[in-house]
């Protein structure tokens, strides 16, 4: 059974770092991680 590193899987699924697709994913992930740590209420 072949194993893959996290970097290999991310490059395959999300493209290489620095591409628009990867940058968009990493930005959205950062927003999702940081949003619960803010004191904003939406409702």
C-alpha atoms as a PDB file:
ATOM      1  CA  UNK A   1       0.000   0.000   0.000  1.00  0.00           C
ATOM      2  CA  UNK A   2       1.449   3.364  -1.038  1.00  0.00           C
ATOM      3  CA  UNK A   3       1.395   6.181   1.469  1.00  0.00           C
ATOM      4  CA  UNK A   4       1.317   9.881   0.672  1.00  0.00           C
ATOM      5  CA  UNK A   5       2.474  12.860   2.658  1.00  0.00           C
ATOM      6  CA  UNK A   6       0.018  15.621   3.531  1.00  0.00           C
ATOM      7  CA  UNK A   7       1.864  17.945   1.148  1.00  0.00           C
ATOM      8  CA  UNK A   8       1.480  15.450  -1.714  1.00  0.00           C
ATOM      9  CA  UNK A   9      -2.257  15.079  -1.087  1.00  0.00           C
ATOM     10  CA  UNK A  10      -2.794  18.828  -0.826  1.00  0.00           C
ATOM     11  CA  UNK A  11      -0.803  19.428  -4.021  1.00  0.00           C
ATOM     12  CA  UNK A  12      -2.860  16.789  -5.827  1.00  0.00           C
ATOM     13  CA  UNK A  13      -6.267  17.947  -4.584  1.00  0.00           C
ATOM     14  CA  UNK A  14      -5.710  21.688  -4.164  1.00  0.00           C
ATOM     15  CA  UNK A  15      -2.892  22.341  -6.646  1.00  0.00           C
ATOM     16  CA  UNK A  16       0.584  23.584  -5.781  1.00  0.00           C
ATOM     17  CA  UNK A  17       1.130  26.412  -3.304  1.00  0.00           C
ATOM     18  CA  UNK A  18       0.919  29.810  -4.956  1.00  0.00           C
ATOM     19  CA  UNK A  19      -1.836  28.898  -7.420  1.00  0.00           C
ATOM     20  CA  UNK A  20      -5.144  30.786  -7.226  1.00  0.00           C
ATOM     21  CA  UNK A  21      -7.064  27.649  -6.220  1.00  0.00           C
ATOM     22  CA  UNK A  22      -4.695  26.850  -3.360  1.00  0.00           C
ATOM     23  CA  UNK A  23      -4.523  30.472  -2.194  1.00  0.00           C
ATOM     24  CA  UNK A  24      -8.335  30.654  -2.104  1.00  0.00           C
ATOM     25  CA  UNK A  25      -8.571  27.410  -0.117  1.00  0.00           C
ATOM     26  CA  UNK A  26      -5.928  28.507   2.393  1.00  0.00           C
ATOM     27  CA  UNK A  27      -7.589  31.922   2.835  1.00  0.00           C
ATOM     28  CA  UNK A  28     -11.025  30.374   3.410  1.00  0.00           C
ATOM     29  CA  UNK A  29      -9.552  27.863   5.842  1.00  0.00           C
ATOM     30  CA  UNK A  30      -7.846  30.652   7.783  1.00  0.00           C
ATOM     31  CA  UNK A  31     -11.145  32.580   7.992  1.00  0.00           C
ATOM     32  CA  UNK A  32     -12.987  29.468   9.228  1.00  0.00           C
ATOM     33  CA  UNK A  33     -10.375  28.833  11.908  1.00  0.00           C
ATOM     34  CA  UNK A  34     -10.189  32.435  13.110  1.00  0.00           C
ATOM     35  CA  UNK A  35     -13.894  33.346  12.978  1.00  0.00           C
ATOM     36  CA  UNK A  36     -14.897  31.403  16.128  1.00  0.00           C
ATOM     37  CA  UNK A  37     -12.152  33.256  18.015  1.00  0.00           C
ATOM     38  CA  UNK A  38     -13.675  36.662  17.332  1.00  0.00           C
ATOM     39  CA  UNK A  39     -16.364  38.247  19.490  1.00  0.00           C
ATOM     40  CA  UNK A  40     -18.690  38.950  16.574  1.00  0.00           C
ATOM     41  CA  UNK A  41     -22.313  37.929  16.749  1.00  0.00           C
ATOM     42  CA  UNK A  42     -24.372  37.500  13.605  1.00  0.00           C
ATOM     43  CA  UNK A  43     -27.949  37.523  14.645  1.00  0.00           C
END
